[in-house]
Amino acid sequence: MVVRVKRLIAAPETCQRLRELGLNEESIIRLIARQATLICQVRNARLAFSETLARSILVESLDASPCA
């Protein structure tokens, strides 16, 4: 699944760290795996997010298929 980041709603220091890692508003990311953690391709790196942290990243789907 490919998504675009619309908003980060975590604590300011967490948002800053996510931006330092390349996860900015309007960034395009690809979901690689959804297990205990979510693994996403962000630019040229793969990042793992806890479910709690992932819930603080608002996205919109860019895939033609609906989100599962």
PDB file of N, CA and C in Angstrom:
ATOM      1  N   MET A   1       0.843  -1.168   0.000  1.00  0.00           N
ATOM      2  CA  MET A   1       0.000   0.000   0.000  1.00  0.00           C
ATOM      3  C   MET A   1       0.893   1.238   0.000  1.00  0.00           C
ATOM      4  N   VAL A   2       0.532   2.195  -0.815  1.00  0.00           N
ATOM      5  CA  VAL A   2       1.273   3.458  -0.893  1.00  0.00           C
ATOM      6  C   VAL A   2       0.382   4.557  -0.328  1.00  0.00           C
ATOM      7  N   VAL A   3       0.960   5.375   0.563  1.00  0.00           N
ATOM      8  CA  VAL A   3       0.201   6.445   1.204  1.00  0.00           C
ATOM      9  C   VAL A   3       1.002   7.739   1.215  1.00  0.00           C
ATOM     10  N   ARG A   4       0.297   8.835   1.430  1.00  0.00           N
ATOM     11  CA  ARG A   4       0.930  10.148   1.596  1.00  0.00           C
ATOM     12  C   ARG A   4       0.665  10.604   3.025  1.00  0.00           C
ATOM     13  N   VAL A   5       1.705  11.054   3.698  1.00  0.00           N
ATOM     14  CA  VAL A   5       1.565  11.564   5.063  1.00  0.00           C
ATOM     15  C   VAL A   5       0.847  12.909   4.989  1.00  0.00           C
ATOM     16  N   LYS A   6      -0.217  13.036   5.785  1.00  0.00           N
ATOM     17  CA  LYS A   6      -0.969  14.286   5.821  1.00  0.00           C
ATOM     18  C   LYS A   6      -0.669  15.103   7.070  1.00  0.00           C
ATOM     19  N   ARG A   7      -0.453  14.407   8.213  1.00  0.00           N
ATOM     20  CA  ARG A   7      -0.233  15.139   9.461  1.00  0.00           C
ATOM     21  C   ARG A   7       0.410  14.231  10.492  1.00  0.00           C
ATOM     22  N   LEU A   8       1.296  14.786  11.294  1.00  0.00           N
ATOM     23  CA  LEU A   8       1.892  14.091  12.428  1.00  0.00           C
ATOM     24  C   LEU A   8       1.259  14.664  13.687  1.00  0.00           C
ATOM     25  N   ILE A   9       0.705  13.786  14.544  1.00  0.00           N
ATOM     26  CA  ILE A   9      -0.019  14.277  15.719  1.00  0.00           C
ATOM     27  C   ILE A   9       0.588  13.750  17.016  1.00  0.00           C
ATOM     28  N   ALA A  10       1.864  13.481  17.007  1.00  0.00           N
ATOM     29  CA  ALA A  10       2.575  13.000  18.204  1.00  0.00           C
ATOM     30  C   ALA A  10       3.113  14.193  18.992  1.00  0.00           C
ATOM     31  N   ALA A  11       3.825  13.895  20.072  1.00  0.00           N
ATOM     32  CA  ALA A  11       4.487  14.938  20.856  1.00  0.00           C
ATOM     33  C   ALA A  11       5.479  15.688  19.964  1.00  0.00           C
ATOM     34  N   PRO A  12       5.713  16.965  20.245  1.00  0.00           N
ATOM     35  CA  PRO A  12       6.610  17.762  19.389  1.00  0.00           C
ATOM     36  C   PRO A  12       7.981  17.122  19.166  1.00  0.00           C
ATOM     37  N   GLU A  13       8.579  16.549  20.214  1.00  0.00           N
ATOM     38  CA  GLU A  13       9.903  15.936  20.034  1.00  0.00           C
ATOM     39  C   GLU A  13       9.824  14.678  19.165  1.00  0.00           C
ATOM     40  N   THR A  14       8.720  13.965  19.229  1.00  0.00           N
ATOM     41  CA  THR A  14       8.539  12.784  18.377  1.00  0.00           C
ATOM     42  C   THR A  14       8.345  13.211  16.928  1.00  0.00           C
ATOM     43  N   CYS A  15       7.542  14.235  16.717  1.00  0.00           N
ATOM     44  CA  CYS A  15       7.339  14.753  15.354  1.00  0.00           C
ATOM     45  C   CYS A  15       8.659  15.233  14.760  1.00  0.00           C
ATOM     46  N   GLN A  16       9.450  15.916  15.560  1.00  0.00           N
ATOM     47  CA  GLN A  16      10.751  16.399  15.081  1.00  0.00           C
ATOM     48  C   GLN A  16      11.632  15.236  14.654  1.00  0.00           C
ATOM     49  N   ARG A  17      11.666  14.175  15.464  1.00  0.00           N
ATOM     50  CA  ARG A  17      12.496  13.003  15.142  1.00  0.00           C
ATOM     51  C   ARG A  17      11.996  12.324  13.870  1.00  0.00           C
ATOM     52  N   LEU A  18      10.687  12.209  13.711  1.00  0.00           N
ATOM     53  CA  LEU A  18      10.135  11.613  12.492  1.00  0.00           C
ATOM     54  C   LEU A  18      10.516  12.442  11.270  1.00  0.00           C
ATOM     55  N   ARG A  19      10.471  13.749  11.408  1.00  0.00           N
ATOM     56  CA  ARG A  19      10.872  14.613  10.285  1.00  0.00           C
ATOM     57  C   ARG A  19      12.358  14.459   9.973  1.00  0.00           C
ATOM     58  N   GLU A  20      13.179  14.301  11.006  1.00  0.00           N
ATOM     59  CA  GLU A  20      14.611  14.076  10.783  1.00  0.00           C
ATOM     60  C   GLU A  20      14.853  12.770  10.028  1.00  0.00           C
ATOM     61  N   LEU A  21      13.995  11.792  10.232  1.00  0.00           N
ATOM     62  CA  LEU A  21      14.105  10.504   9.540  1.00  0.00           C
ATOM     63  C   LEU A  21      13.533  10.554   8.123  1.00  0.00           C
ATOM     64  N   GLY A  22      12.957  11.697   7.722  1.00  0.00           N
ATOM     65  CA  GLY A  22      12.431  11.855   6.374  1.00  0.00           C
ATOM     66  C   GLY A  22      10.936  11.668   6.260  1.00  0.00           C
ATOM     67  N   LEU A  23      10.259  11.554   7.389  1.00  0.00           N
ATOM     68  CA  LEU A  23       8.810  11.361   7.383  1.00  0.00           C
ATOM     69  C   LEU A  23       8.138  12.713   7.607  1.00  0.00           C
ATOM     70  N   ASN A  24       8.012  13.476   6.534  1.00  0.00           N
ATOM     71  CA  ASN A  24       7.427  14.814   6.592  1.00  0.00           C
ATOM     72  C   ASN A  24       6.008  14.784   6.052  1.00  0.00           C
ATOM     73  N   GLU A  25       5.255  15.847   6.343  1.00  0.00           N
ATOM     74  CA  GLU A  25       3.958  15.989   5.731  1.00  0.00           C
ATOM     75  C   GLU A  25       4.155  16.010   4.216  1.00  0.00           C
ATOM     76  N   GLU A  26       3.283  15.329   3.514  1.00  0.00           N
ATOM     77  CA  GLU A  26       3.300  15.173   2.056  1.00  0.00           C
ATOM     78  C   GLU A  26       4.322  14.142   1.563  1.00  0.00           C
ATOM     79  N   SER A  27       5.052  13.486   2.462  1.00  0.00           N
ATOM     80  CA  SER A  27       5.967  12.417   2.063  1.00  0.00           C
ATOM     81  C   SER A  27       5.160  11.214   1.566  1.00  0.00           C
ATOM     82  N   ILE A  28       5.700  10.521   0.596  1.00  0.00           N
ATOM     83  CA  ILE A  28       5.086   9.298   0.087  1.00  0.00           C
ATOM     84  C   ILE A  28       5.816   8.132   0.750  1.00  0.00           C
ATOM     85  N   ILE A  29       5.055   7.217   1.357  1.00  0.00           N
ATOM     86  CA  ILE A  29       5.655   6.041   1.983  1.00  0.00           C
ATOM     87  C   ILE A  29       4.917   4.791   1.525  1.00  0.00           C
ATOM     88  N   ARG A  30       5.611   3.666   1.587  1.00  0.00           N
ATOM     89  CA  ARG A  30       5.043   2.386   1.169  1.00  0.00           C
ATOM     90  C   ARG A  30       5.024   1.448   2.368  1.00  0.00           C
ATOM     91  N   LEU A  31       3.860   0.861   2.631  1.00  0.00           N
ATOM     92  CA  LEU A  31       3.734  -0.133   3.692  1.00  0.00           C
ATOM     93  C   LEU A  31       4.303  -1.451   3.188  1.00  0.00           C
ATOM     94  N   ILE A  32       5.314  -1.970   3.875  1.00  0.00           N
ATOM     95  CA  ILE A  32       5.966  -3.221   3.488  1.00  0.00           C
ATOM     96  C   ILE A  32       5.356  -4.404   4.225  1.00  0.00           C
ATOM     97  N   ALA A  33       5.156  -4.269   5.545  1.00  0.00           N
ATOM     98  CA  ALA A  33       4.613  -5.365   6.355  1.00  0.00           C
ATOM     99  C   ALA A  33       3.797  -4.801   7.504  1.00  0.00           C
ATOM    100  N   ARG A  34       2.748  -5.518   7.845  1.00  0.00           N
ATOM    101  CA  ARG A  34       1.891  -5.123   8.969  1.00  0.00           C
ATOM    102  C   ARG A  34       1.796  -6.312   9.907  1.00  0.00           C
ATOM    103  N   GLN A  35       2.605  -6.282  10.959  1.00  0.00           N
ATOM    104  CA  GLN A  35       2.617  -7.364  11.945  1.00  0.00           C
ATOM    105  C   GLN A  35       2.545  -6.719  13.323  1.00  0.00           C
ATOM    106  N   ALA A  36       3.371  -7.148  14.268  1.00  0.00           N
ATOM    107  CA  ALA A  36       3.408  -6.494  15.580  1.00  0.00           C
ATOM    108  C   ALA A  36       3.858  -5.044  15.416  1.00  0.00           C
ATOM    109  N   THR A  37       4.744  -4.813  14.453  1.00  0.00           N
ATOM    110  CA  THR A  37       5.152  -3.458  14.080  1.00  0.00           C
ATOM    111  C   THR A  37       4.817  -3.256  12.614  1.00  0.00           C
ATOM    112  N   LEU A  38       4.710  -2.011  12.199  1.00  0.00           N
ATOM    113  CA  LEU A  38       4.490  -1.702  10.799  1.00  0.00           C
ATOM    114  C   LEU A  38       5.834  -1.347  10.198  1.00  0.00           C
ATOM    115  N   ILE A  39       6.175  -1.971   9.094  1.00  0.00           N
ATOM    116  CA  ILE A  39       7.437  -1.683   8.414  1.00  0.00           C
ATOM    117  C   ILE A  39       7.106  -0.914   7.149  1.00  0.00           C
ATOM    118  N   CYS A  40       7.724   0.259   7.017  1.00  0.00           N
ATOM    119  CA  CYS A  40       7.448   1.143   5.891  1.00  0.00           C
ATOM    120  C   CYS A  40       8.733   1.527   5.179  1.00  0.00           C
ATOM    121  N   GLN A  41       8.613   1.705   3.877  1.00  0.00           N
ATOM    122  CA  GLN A  41       9.708   2.233   3.069  1.00  0.00           C
ATOM    123  C   GLN A  41       9.545   3.745   3.043  1.00  0.00           C
ATOM    124  N   VAL A  42      10.513   4.454   3.620  1.00  0.00           N
ATOM    125  CA  VAL A  42      10.508   5.916   3.645  1.00  0.00           C
ATOM    126  C   VAL A  42      11.766   6.361   2.923  1.00  0.00           C
ATOM    127  N   ARG A  43      11.574   6.926   1.741  1.00  0.00           N
ATOM    128  CA  ARG A  43      12.690   7.269   0.867  1.00  0.00           C
ATOM    129  C   ARG A  43      13.517   6.014   0.600  1.00  0.00           C
ATOM    130  N   ASN A  44      14.777   5.975   0.994  1.00  0.00           N
ATOM    131  CA  ASN A  44      15.617   4.799   0.731  1.00  0.00           C
ATOM    132  C   ASN A  44      15.865   3.964   1.976  1.00  0.00           C
ATOM    133  N   ALA A  45      15.017   4.103   2.981  1.00  0.00           N
ATOM    134  CA  ALA A  45      15.200   3.368   4.231  1.00  0.00           C
ATOM    135  C   ALA A  45      13.904   2.663   4.620  1.00  0.00           C
ATOM    136  N   ARG A  46      14.059   1.574   5.339  1.00  0.00           N
ATOM    137  CA  ARG A  46      12.898   0.891   5.912  1.00  0.00           C
ATOM    138  C   ARG A  46      12.859   1.201   7.397  1.00  0.00           C
ATOM    139  N   LEU A  47      11.700   1.644   7.863  1.00  0.00           N
ATOM    140  CA  LEU A  47      11.514   2.008   9.258  1.00  0.00           C
ATOM    141  C   LEU A  47      10.406   1.163   9.856  1.00  0.00           C
ATOM    142  N   ALA A  48      10.572   0.773  11.116  1.00  0.00           N
ATOM    143  CA  ALA A  48       9.541   0.020  11.837  1.00  0.00           C
ATOM    144  C   ALA A  48       8.886   0.944  12.847  1.00  0.00           C
ATOM    145  N   PHE A  49       7.560   0.920  12.881  1.00  0.00           N
ATOM    146  CA  PHE A  49       6.792   1.753  13.794  1.00  0.00           C
ATOM    147  C   PHE A  49       5.926   0.877  14.677  1.00  0.00           C
ATOM    148  N   SER A  50       5.879   1.211  15.959  1.00  0.00           N
ATOM    149  CA  SER A  50       4.939   0.527  16.846  1.00  0.00           C
ATOM    150  C   SER A  50       3.530   0.927  16.423  1.00  0.00           C
ATOM    151  N   GLU A  51       2.559   0.142  16.845  1.00  0.00           N
ATOM    152  CA  GLU A  51       1.169   0.473  16.516  1.00  0.00           C
ATOM    153  C   GLU A  51       0.790   1.827  17.106  1.00  0.00           C
ATOM    154  N   THR A  52       1.269   2.110  18.308  1.00  0.00           N
ATOM    155  CA  THR A  52       0.974   3.384  18.966  1.00  0.00           C
ATOM    156  C   THR A  52       1.528   4.559  18.165  1.00  0.00           C
ATOM    157  N   LEU A  53       2.778   4.450  17.740  1.00  0.00           N
ATOM    158  CA  LEU A  53       3.379   5.530  16.958  1.00  0.00           C
ATOM    159  C   LEU A  53       2.704   5.645  15.597  1.00  0.00           C
ATOM    160  N   ALA A  54       2.391   4.527  14.978  1.00  0.00           N
ATOM    161  CA  ALA A  54       1.744   4.550  13.661  1.00  0.00           C
ATOM    162  C   ALA A  54       0.396   5.269  13.714  1.00  0.00           C
ATOM    163  N   ARG A  55      -0.308   5.153  14.822  1.00  0.00           N
ATOM    164  CA  ARG A  55      -1.609   5.824  14.961  1.00  0.00           C
ATOM    165  C   ARG A  55      -1.466   7.352  15.028  1.00  0.00           C
ATOM    166  N   SER A  56      -0.273   7.844  15.271  1.00  0.00           N
ATOM    167  CA  SER A  56      -0.062   9.290  15.337  1.00  0.00           C
ATOM    168  C   SER A  56       0.388   9.869  13.991  1.00  0.00           C
ATOM    169  N   ILE A  57       0.384   9.042  12.954  1.00  0.00           N
ATOM    170  CA  ILE A  57       0.760   9.478  11.612  1.00  0.00           C
ATOM    171  C   ILE A  57      -0.483   9.360  10.734  1.00  0.00           C
ATOM    172  N   LEU A  58      -1.095  10.485  10.413  1.00  0.00           N
ATOM    173  CA  LEU A  58      -2.301  10.483   9.583  1.00  0.00           C
ATOM    174  C   LEU A  58      -1.893  10.446   8.117  1.00  0.00           C
ATOM    175  N   VAL A  59      -2.503   9.535   7.361  1.00  0.00           N
ATOM    176  CA  VAL A  59      -2.133   9.362   5.950  1.00  0.00           C
ATOM    177  C   VAL A  59      -3.375   9.295   5.080  1.00  0.00           C
ATOM    178  N   GLU A  60      -3.148   9.449   3.773  1.00  0.00           N
ATOM    179  CA  GLU A  60      -4.202   9.206   2.793  1.00  0.00           C
ATOM    180  C   GLU A  60      -3.674   8.177   1.805  1.00  0.00           C
ATOM    181  N   SER A  61      -4.539   7.274   1.394  1.00  0.00           N
ATOM    182  CA  SER A  61      -4.141   6.221   0.475  1.00  0.00           C
ATOM    183  C   SER A  61      -3.950   6.772  -0.931  1.00  0.00           C
ATOM    184  N   LEU A  62      -2.918   6.272  -1.601  1.00  0.00           N
ATOM    185  CA  LEU A  62      -2.683   6.623  -3.001  1.00  0.00           C
ATOM    186  C   LEU A  62      -2.950   5.433  -3.910  1.00  0.00           C
ATOM    187  N   ASP A  63      -3.243   4.272  -3.320  1.00  0.00           N
ATOM    188  CA  ASP A  63      -3.569   3.069  -4.080  1.00  0.00           C
ATOM    189  C   ASP A  63      -4.987   3.183  -4.618  1.00  0.00           C
ATOM    190  N   ALA A  64      -5.220   2.492  -5.713  1.00  0.00           N
ATOM    191  CA  ALA A  64      -6.572   2.453  -6.272  1.00  0.00           C
ATOM    192  C   ALA A  64      -7.497   1.594  -5.426  1.00  0.00           C
ATOM    193  N   SER A  65      -6.925   0.593  -4.737  1.00  0.00           N
ATOM    194  CA  SER A  65      -7.741  -0.287  -3.921  1.00  0.00           C
ATOM    195  C   SER A  65      -7.995   0.344  -2.559  1.00  0.00           C
ATOM    196  N   PRO A  66      -9.143   0.052  -1.937  1.00  0.00           N
ATOM    197  CA  PRO A  66      -9.420   0.605  -0.610  1.00  0.00           C
ATOM    198  C   PRO A  66      -8.500   0.014   0.460  1.00  0.00           C
ATOM    199  N   CYS A  67      -8.275   0.760   1.533  1.00  0.00           N
ATOM    200  CA  CYS A  67      -7.427   0.295   2.635  1.00  0.00           C
ATOM    201  C   CYS A  67      -8.086  -0.884   3.320  1.00  0.00           C
ATOM    202  N   ALA A  68      -7.246  -1.843   3.732  1.00  0.00           N
ATOM    203  CA  ALA A  68      -7.773  -3.007   4.443  1.00  0.00           C
ATOM    204  C   ALA A  68      -7.618  -2.827   5.924  1.00  0.00           C
TER     205      ALA A  68
END
